[in-house]
Structure formats: structure tokens, C-alpha cells
Amino acid sequence: MTSSLNTSEPAVLAAEGTEQNILLPHTYDIVWSLIIVVIVGVVFYRYVLPKFQAVLDERTAKIEGGIAKAEKAQEEAAEALKEYHQQLAEARADAAKTREEARAEGTAIVAELRSKAQEEASRIVETAHRQIEAERQTAAVSLRAEVGELATELASKIVGESLQDSARQSRVVDRFLDELEAAGDESRTAASVGNSAGKEG
């Protein structure tokens, strides 16, 4: 029995000497793991990564295109705003010019109407003066005839003789009217002197 124990001890010792660390994998596990990693890496770099890269490139292109479109839209908006301001300034200038033209035209129309009104007033006054002068002449002729008749009758009664002679009658009437006109001129002169004296006082 002792002999069997003696023969089993070297076997146990040999087994203990050949044991490895359980934390380290076997060599064939490491090799197969490396092969799988290489295969996965090759597949990833050859098939998966290009698709990711294509998607990223597409998104980058879209983003860059969107930025370019946004910049272009911003430039167009700035240009449209500038054009709007320019058109607004032109519209204001046109409105001011139209106002000035309307004001000048209105002034010209008022001046023309005023001139026409003055001409019409002058014409009416001149017509009135002519009509008054004609009426005065008519009244003077009528008055002269009536005064002549009255003066002839009065003179006939005073003198006691008939003044039927037309030449004599005309002389008497003319002398009488001249005296009346002289008296009227003196009264008008006295009235004008009185008015001027009143104004000075």
C-alpha cells in the first residue's frame, strides 16, 4: 500500500507542475480570438465604415448646402431690403416732387384766376363808369333843356319881355348854367379843403 502511495505522488507533482494560470487563456484561444478580430475588423473597414462615411459625407454635404442656401437667401434678402429702401427713397422723392409741382401749379392757377378777376373787375368798373358817364350826359342834356325852359320863363317874367328868340334864349341858359357850375366848383373846393383840414386835425 505504501508502494502505491509512492507511485502516485510523482504523478500529482507532475500534474501540479504543468498547471497554468486560470486568468490567462490558452494559446489557441488567443489565436482564434485574433483571427475573429481581424475578420471583424476587415469586414468593418471594408463594408460598414464606408457606409458610415457615405452617410456622414451626405449629411455634411446637406448641412453645407443648407448653410450655402441660407447664406444665399440672406444675401438675397439683404439685396431685396436694399432695393426696397431705394424704391422707398425714390417714391418719397417722387411724392415730394409731385407736391412741389402741385403747389406751383396751384399758385399759377390762383395767380391766373386773380389776374382774370382783376381784369373782369376792371372791365366791370370801366363799363359802370361809361354807363354812369352816359347817364350823366343824358341827365345833363335833359336838365339843360328843363333848366333852359325854366330860366327862359323866369327871365321873361323878370324882364317883362318875351325871350322867344332862340339865340337869346341859348345865351341866357348858357350863362345861367356856367354860374351854376362855378358855384358847384366853389362848394366842392370848400368841402375838400374842410375835409383835408379835418384829417390834419
C-alpha atoms as a PDB file:
ATOM      1  CA  MET A   1       0.000   0.000   0.000  1.00  0.00           C
ATOM      2  CA  THR A   2       2.896   2.195   0.641  1.00  0.00           C
ATOM      3  CA  SER A   3       4.243   1.407  -2.743  1.00  0.00           C
ATOM      4  CA  SER A   4       1.091   2.641  -4.408  1.00  0.00           C
ATOM      5  CA  LEU A   5       1.261   5.902  -2.467  1.00  0.00           C
ATOM      6  CA  ASN A   6       4.808   6.357  -3.521  1.00  0.00           C
ATOM      7  CA  THR A   7       3.978   5.891  -7.175  1.00  0.00           C
ATOM      8  CA  SER A   8       1.045   8.353  -7.091  1.00  0.00           C
ATOM      9  CA  GLU A   9       2.959  11.220  -5.542  1.00  0.00           C
ATOM     10  CA  PRO A  10       5.205  11.880  -8.550  1.00  0.00           C
ATOM     11  CA  ALA A  11       2.115  11.936 -10.805  1.00  0.00           C
ATOM     12  CA  VAL A  12       0.453  14.566  -8.620  1.00  0.00           C
ATOM     13  CA  LEU A  13       3.606  16.578  -8.528  1.00  0.00           C
ATOM     14  CA  ALA A  14       3.886  16.378 -12.309  1.00  0.00           C
ATOM     15  CA  ALA A  15       0.271  17.479 -12.705  1.00  0.00           C
ATOM     16  CA  GLU A  16       0.811  20.389 -10.370  1.00  0.00           C
ATOM     17  CA  GLY A  17       3.895  21.423 -12.318  1.00  0.00           C
ATOM     18  CA  THR A  18       2.003  21.514 -15.606  1.00  0.00           C
ATOM     19  CA  GLU A  19      -0.987  23.614 -14.345  1.00  0.00           C
ATOM     20  CA  GLN A  20      -1.368  27.160 -15.883  1.00  0.00           C
ATOM     21  CA  ASN A  21      -2.784  30.381 -14.506  1.00  0.00           C
ATOM     22  CA  ILE A  22      -6.577  30.343 -14.901  1.00  0.00           C
ATOM     23  CA  LEU A  23      -6.599  34.104 -15.704  1.00  0.00           C
ATOM     24  CA  LEU A  24      -4.563  33.625 -18.878  1.00  0.00           C
ATOM     25  CA  PRO A  25      -6.359  31.961 -21.828  1.00  0.00           C
ATOM     26  CA  HIS A  26      -4.836  29.154 -23.782  1.00  0.00           C
ATOM     27  CA  THR A  27      -2.726  29.918 -26.826  1.00  0.00           C
ATOM     28  CA  TYR A  28      -5.256  28.556 -29.305  1.00  0.00           C
ATOM     29  CA  ASP A  29      -7.958  30.807 -27.736  1.00  0.00           C
ATOM     30  CA  ILE A  30      -5.749  33.833 -28.254  1.00  0.00           C
ATOM     31  CA  VAL A  31      -5.047  32.846 -31.859  1.00  0.00           C
ATOM     32  CA  TRP A  32      -8.695  32.241 -32.726  1.00  0.00           C
ATOM     33  CA  SER A  33      -9.705  35.468 -30.995  1.00  0.00           C
ATOM     34  CA  LEU A  34      -7.139  37.406 -33.019  1.00  0.00           C
ATOM     35  CA  ILE A  35      -8.369  35.774 -36.249  1.00  0.00           C
ATOM     36  CA  ILE A  36     -12.002  36.702 -35.421  1.00  0.00           C
ATOM     37  CA  VAL A  37     -10.995  40.258 -34.513  1.00  0.00           C
ATOM     38  CA  VAL A  38      -9.087  40.610 -37.793  1.00  0.00           C
ATOM     39  CA  ILE A  39     -12.044  39.232 -39.781  1.00  0.00           C
ATOM     40  CA  VAL A  40     -14.492  41.588 -37.996  1.00  0.00           C
ATOM     41  CA  GLY A  41     -12.085  44.497 -38.474  1.00  0.00           C
ATOM     42  CA  VAL A  42     -11.693  43.766 -42.190  1.00  0.00           C
ATOM     43  CA  VAL A  43     -15.451  43.444 -42.650  1.00  0.00           C
ATOM     44  CA  PHE A  44     -15.996  46.661 -40.664  1.00  0.00           C
ATOM     45  CA  TYR A  45     -13.389  48.665 -42.609  1.00  0.00           C
ATOM     46  CA  ARG A  46     -14.450  47.266 -45.981  1.00  0.00           C
ATOM     47  CA  TYR A  47     -18.266  47.321 -45.695  1.00  0.00           C
ATOM     48  CA  VAL A  48     -19.558  49.068 -42.590  1.00  0.00           C
ATOM     49  CA  LEU A  49     -17.161  52.012 -42.339  1.00  0.00           C
ATOM     50  CA  PRO A  50     -17.644  53.143 -45.979  1.00  0.00           C
ATOM     51  CA  LYS A  51     -21.414  53.191 -45.441  1.00  0.00           C
ATOM     52  CA  PHE A  52     -20.977  55.233 -42.282  1.00  0.00           C
ATOM     53  CA  GLN A  53     -18.577  57.509 -44.144  1.00  0.00           C
ATOM     54  CA  ALA A  54     -21.032  57.879 -47.032  1.00  0.00           C
ATOM     55  CA  VAL A  55     -23.842  58.745 -44.625  1.00  0.00           C
ATOM     56  CA  LEU A  56     -21.612  61.252 -42.842  1.00  0.00           C
ATOM     57  CA  ASP A  57     -20.472  62.757 -46.151  1.00  0.00           C
ATOM     58  CA  GLU A  58     -24.083  63.029 -47.323  1.00  0.00           C
ATOM     59  CA  ARG A  59     -25.136  64.731 -44.118  1.00  0.00           C
ATOM     60  CA  THR A  60     -22.113  67.017 -44.288  1.00  0.00           C
ATOM     61  CA  ALA A  61     -22.990  67.903 -47.881  1.00  0.00           C
ATOM     62  CA  LYS A  62     -26.588  68.566 -46.895  1.00  0.00           C
ATOM     63  CA  ILE A  63     -25.511  70.741 -43.982  1.00  0.00           C
ATOM     64  CA  GLU A  64     -23.028  72.641 -46.163  1.00  0.00           C
ATOM     65  CA  GLY A  65     -25.697  73.004 -48.864  1.00  0.00           C
ATOM     66  CA  GLY A  66     -28.171  74.250 -46.290  1.00  0.00           C
ATOM     67  CA  ILE A  67     -25.632  76.735 -44.988  1.00  0.00           C
ATOM     68  CA  ALA A  68     -24.898  77.883 -48.540  1.00  0.00           C
ATOM     69  CA  LYS A  69     -28.620  78.209 -49.261  1.00  0.00           C
ATOM     70  CA  ALA A  70     -29.106  80.118 -46.024  1.00  0.00           C
ATOM     71  CA  GLU A  71     -26.236  82.463 -46.884  1.00  0.00           C
ATOM     72  CA  LYS A  72     -27.604  82.935 -50.397  1.00  0.00           C
ATOM     73  CA  ALA A  73     -31.095  83.569 -49.025  1.00  0.00           C
ATOM     74  CA  GLN A  74     -29.639  86.051 -46.553  1.00  0.00           C
ATOM     75  CA  GLU A  75     -27.769  87.833 -49.353  1.00  0.00           C
ATOM     76  CA  GLU A  76     -30.940  87.921 -51.469  1.00  0.00           C
ATOM     77  CA  ALA A  77     -32.911  89.249 -48.502  1.00  0.00           C
ATOM     78  CA  ALA A  78     -30.293  91.943 -47.901  1.00  0.00           C
ATOM     79  CA  GLU A  79     -30.346  92.863 -51.588  1.00  0.00           C
ATOM     80  CA  ALA A  80     -34.159  92.936 -51.597  1.00  0.00           C
ATOM     81  CA  LEU A  81     -34.129  95.126 -48.477  1.00  0.00           C
ATOM     82  CA  LYS A  82     -31.626  97.475 -50.108  1.00  0.00           C
ATOM     83  CA  GLU A  83     -33.763  97.639 -53.256  1.00  0.00           C
ATOM     84  CA  TYR A  84     -36.851  98.266 -51.120  1.00  0.00           C
ATOM     85  CA  HIS A  85     -35.134 101.140 -49.324  1.00  0.00           C
ATOM     86  CA  GLN A  86     -34.020 102.545 -52.675  1.00  0.00           C
ATOM     87  CA  GLN A  87     -37.547 102.302 -54.109  1.00  0.00           C
ATOM     88  CA  LEU A  88     -38.938 103.873 -50.930  1.00  0.00           C
ATOM     89  CA  ALA A  89     -36.488 106.778 -51.245  1.00  0.00           C
ATOM     90  CA  GLU A  90     -37.410 107.198 -54.921  1.00  0.00           C
ATOM     91  CA  ALA A  91     -41.119 107.101 -54.042  1.00  0.00           C
ATOM     92  CA  ARG A  92     -40.594 109.758 -51.372  1.00  0.00           C
ATOM     93  CA  ALA A  93     -38.637 111.913 -53.816  1.00  0.00           C
ATOM     94  CA  ASP A  94     -41.380 111.484 -56.435  1.00  0.00           C
ATOM     95  CA  ALA A  95     -44.034 112.370 -53.854  1.00  0.00           C
ATOM     96  CA  ALA A  96     -42.120 115.487 -52.819  1.00  0.00           C
ATOM     97  CA  LYS A  97     -41.655 116.460 -56.463  1.00  0.00           C
ATOM     98  CA  THR A  98     -45.371 115.887 -57.133  1.00  0.00           C
ATOM     99  CA  ARG A  99     -46.259 118.041 -54.116  1.00  0.00           C
ATOM    100  CA  GLU A 100     -43.975 120.811 -55.309  1.00  0.00           C
ATOM    101  CA  GLU A 101     -45.417 120.616 -58.820  1.00  0.00           C
ATOM    102  CA  ALA A 102     -48.969 120.654 -57.442  1.00  0.00           C
ATOM    103  CA  ARG A 103     -48.109 123.616 -55.206  1.00  0.00           C
ATOM    104  CA  ALA A 104     -46.545 125.502 -58.131  1.00  0.00           C
ATOM    105  CA  GLU A 105     -49.495 124.644 -60.360  1.00  0.00           C
ATOM    106  CA  GLY A 106     -51.929 125.757 -57.669  1.00  0.00           C
ATOM    107  CA  THR A 107     -50.035 129.031 -57.254  1.00  0.00           C
ATOM    108  CA  ALA A 108     -50.121 129.567 -61.020  1.00  0.00           C
ATOM    109  CA  ILE A 109     -53.853 128.805 -61.131  1.00  0.00           C
ATOM    110  CA  VAL A 110     -54.531 131.210 -58.246  1.00  0.00           C
ATOM    111  CA  ALA A 111     -52.442 133.909 -59.929  1.00  0.00           C
ATOM    112  CA  GLU A 112     -54.246 133.346 -63.232  1.00  0.00           C
ATOM    113  CA  LEU A 113     -57.669 133.444 -61.550  1.00  0.00           C
ATOM    114  CA  ARG A 114     -56.668 136.558 -59.640  1.00  0.00           C
ATOM    115  CA  SER A 115     -55.493 138.209 -62.845  1.00  0.00           C
ATOM    116  CA  LYS A 116     -58.723 137.256 -64.607  1.00  0.00           C
ATOM    117  CA  ALA A 117     -60.755 138.528 -61.651  1.00  0.00           C
ATOM    118  CA  GLN A 118     -58.870 141.820 -61.695  1.00  0.00           C
ATOM    119  CA  GLU A 119     -59.391 142.135 -65.439  1.00  0.00           C
ATOM    120  CA  GLU A 120     -63.080 141.352 -65.028  1.00  0.00           C
ATOM    121  CA  ALA A 121     -63.384 143.839 -62.167  1.00  0.00           C
ATOM    122  CA  SER A 122     -61.586 146.484 -64.217  1.00  0.00           C
ATOM    123  CA  ARG A 123     -63.880 145.784 -67.155  1.00  0.00           C
ATOM    124  CA  ILE A 124     -66.974 145.978 -64.936  1.00  0.00           C
ATOM    125  CA  VAL A 125     -65.753 149.227 -63.353  1.00  0.00           C
ATOM    126  CA  GLU A 126     -64.941 150.684 -66.757  1.00  0.00           C
ATOM    127  CA  THR A 127     -68.359 149.651 -68.077  1.00  0.00           C
ATOM    128  CA  ALA A 128     -70.004 151.158 -64.993  1.00  0.00           C
ATOM    129  CA  HIS A 129     -68.030 154.382 -65.490  1.00  0.00           C
ATOM    130  CA  ARG A 130     -69.069 154.547 -69.129  1.00  0.00           C
ATOM    131  CA  GLN A 131     -72.684 153.858 -68.210  1.00  0.00           C
ATOM    132  CA  ILE A 132     -72.577 156.482 -65.453  1.00  0.00           C
ATOM    133  CA  GLU A 133     -70.968 158.957 -67.831  1.00  0.00           C
ATOM    134  CA  ALA A 134     -73.625 158.244 -70.452  1.00  0.00           C
ATOM    135  CA  GLU A 135     -76.386 158.611 -67.885  1.00  0.00           C
ATOM    136  CA  ARG A 136     -74.768 161.815 -66.609  1.00  0.00           C
ATOM    137  CA  GLN A 137     -74.588 163.172 -70.141  1.00  0.00           C
ATOM    138  CA  THR A 138     -78.231 162.226 -70.711  1.00  0.00           C
ATOM    139  CA  ALA A 139     -79.226 163.774 -67.393  1.00  0.00           C
ATOM    140  CA  ALA A 140     -77.175 166.896 -68.176  1.00  0.00           C
ATOM    141  CA  VAL A 141     -78.848 167.286 -71.574  1.00  0.00           C
ATOM    142  CA  SER A 142     -82.275 166.720 -70.073  1.00  0.00           C
ATOM    143  CA  LEU A 143     -81.521 169.067 -67.177  1.00  0.00           C
ATOM    144  CA  ARG A 144     -80.131 171.693 -69.515  1.00  0.00           C
ATOM    145  CA  ALA A 145     -83.320 171.599 -71.557  1.00  0.00           C
ATOM    146  CA  GLU A 146     -85.548 171.792 -68.468  1.00  0.00           C
ATOM    147  CA  VAL A 147     -83.414 174.467 -66.824  1.00  0.00           C
ATOM    148  CA  GLY A 148     -83.372 176.393 -70.073  1.00  0.00           C
ATOM    149  CA  GLU A 149     -87.141 176.410 -70.247  1.00  0.00           C
ATOM    150  CA  LEU A 150     -87.458 177.402 -66.603  1.00  0.00           C
ATOM    151  CA  ALA A 151     -84.788 180.085 -66.942  1.00  0.00           C
ATOM    152  CA  THR A 152     -86.466 181.476 -70.033  1.00  0.00           C
ATOM    153  CA  GLU A 153     -89.811 181.657 -68.304  1.00  0.00           C
ATOM    154  CA  LEU A 154     -88.258 183.175 -65.207  1.00  0.00           C
ATOM    155  CA  ALA A 155     -86.248 185.677 -67.190  1.00  0.00           C
ATOM    156  CA  SER A 156     -89.329 186.583 -69.208  1.00  0.00           C
ATOM    157  CA  LYS A 157     -91.239 187.306 -66.046  1.00  0.00           C
ATOM    158  CA  ILE A 158     -88.382 189.323 -64.542  1.00  0.00           C
ATOM    159  CA  VAL A 159     -87.530 191.282 -67.643  1.00  0.00           C
ATOM    160  CA  GLY A 160     -91.089 191.617 -68.645  1.00  0.00           C
ATOM    161  CA  GLU A 161     -90.498 190.772 -72.260  1.00  0.00           C
ATOM    162  CA  SER A 162     -90.642 187.604 -74.237  1.00  0.00           C
ATOM    163  CA  LEU A 163     -87.428 185.664 -74.757  1.00  0.00           C
ATOM    164  CA  GLN A 164     -88.640 183.558 -77.592  1.00  0.00           C
ATOM    165  CA  ASP A 165     -85.566 184.293 -79.662  1.00  0.00           C
ATOM    166  CA  SER A 166     -83.586 181.049 -79.682  1.00  0.00           C
ATOM    167  CA  ALA A 167     -80.166 182.724 -79.776  1.00  0.00           C
ATOM    168  CA  ARG A 168     -81.018 184.939 -76.857  1.00  0.00           C
ATOM    169  CA  GLN A 169     -82.554 182.016 -75.009  1.00  0.00           C
ATOM    170  CA  SER A 170     -79.429 179.898 -75.583  1.00  0.00           C
ATOM    171  CA  ARG A 171     -77.162 182.684 -74.290  1.00  0.00           C
ATOM    172  CA  VAL A 172     -79.226 183.142 -71.132  1.00  0.00           C
ATOM    173  CA  VAL A 173     -79.314 179.401 -70.476  1.00  0.00           C
ATOM    174  CA  ASP A 174     -75.572 179.016 -71.030  1.00  0.00           C
ATOM    175  CA  ARG A 175     -74.765 181.943 -68.743  1.00  0.00           C
ATOM    176  CA  PHE A 176     -77.051 180.525 -66.059  1.00  0.00           C
ATOM    177  CA  LEU A 177     -75.546 177.050 -66.279  1.00  0.00           C
ATOM    178  CA  ASP A 178     -71.998 178.463 -66.175  1.00  0.00           C
ATOM    179  CA  GLU A 179     -72.858 180.309 -62.992  1.00  0.00           C
ATOM    180  CA  LEU A 180     -74.303 177.105 -61.516  1.00  0.00           C
ATOM    181  CA  GLU A 181     -71.174 175.117 -62.429  1.00  0.00           C
ATOM    182  CA  ALA A 182     -68.926 177.813 -60.942  1.00  0.00           C
ATOM    183  CA  ALA A 183     -70.940 177.757 -57.720  1.00  0.00           C
ATOM    184  CA  GLY A 184     -70.718 173.940 -57.643  1.00  0.00           C
ATOM    185  CA  ASP A 185     -66.922 174.039 -58.141  1.00  0.00           C
ATOM    186  CA  GLU A 186     -66.534 176.537 -55.299  1.00  0.00           C
ATOM    187  CA  SER A 187     -68.628 174.395 -52.968  1.00  0.00           C
ATOM    188  CA  ARG A 188     -66.639 171.275 -53.872  1.00  0.00           C
ATOM    189  CA  THR A 189     -63.341 173.115 -53.315  1.00  0.00           C
ATOM    190  CA  ALA A 190     -64.525 174.348 -49.930  1.00  0.00           C
ATOM    191  CA  ALA A 191     -65.651 170.843 -48.974  1.00  0.00           C
ATOM    192  CA  SER A 192     -62.317 169.304 -49.967  1.00  0.00           C
ATOM    193  CA  VAL A 193     -60.405 171.958 -48.004  1.00  0.00           C
ATOM    194  CA  GLY A 194     -62.628 171.277 -44.980  1.00  0.00           C
ATOM    195  CA  ASN A 195     -62.029 167.528 -45.280  1.00  0.00           C
ATOM    196  CA  SER A 196     -58.262 167.934 -45.533  1.00  0.00           C
ATOM    197  CA  ALA A 197     -58.272 170.282 -42.547  1.00  0.00           C
ATOM    198  CA  GLY A 198     -60.322 167.756 -40.585  1.00  0.00           C
ATOM    199  CA  LYS A 199     -57.888 164.965 -41.451  1.00  0.00           C
ATOM    200  CA  GLU A 200     -54.889 167.077 -40.391  1.00  0.00           C
ATOM    201  CA  GLY A 201     -56.605 167.938 -37.115  1.00  0.00           C
END
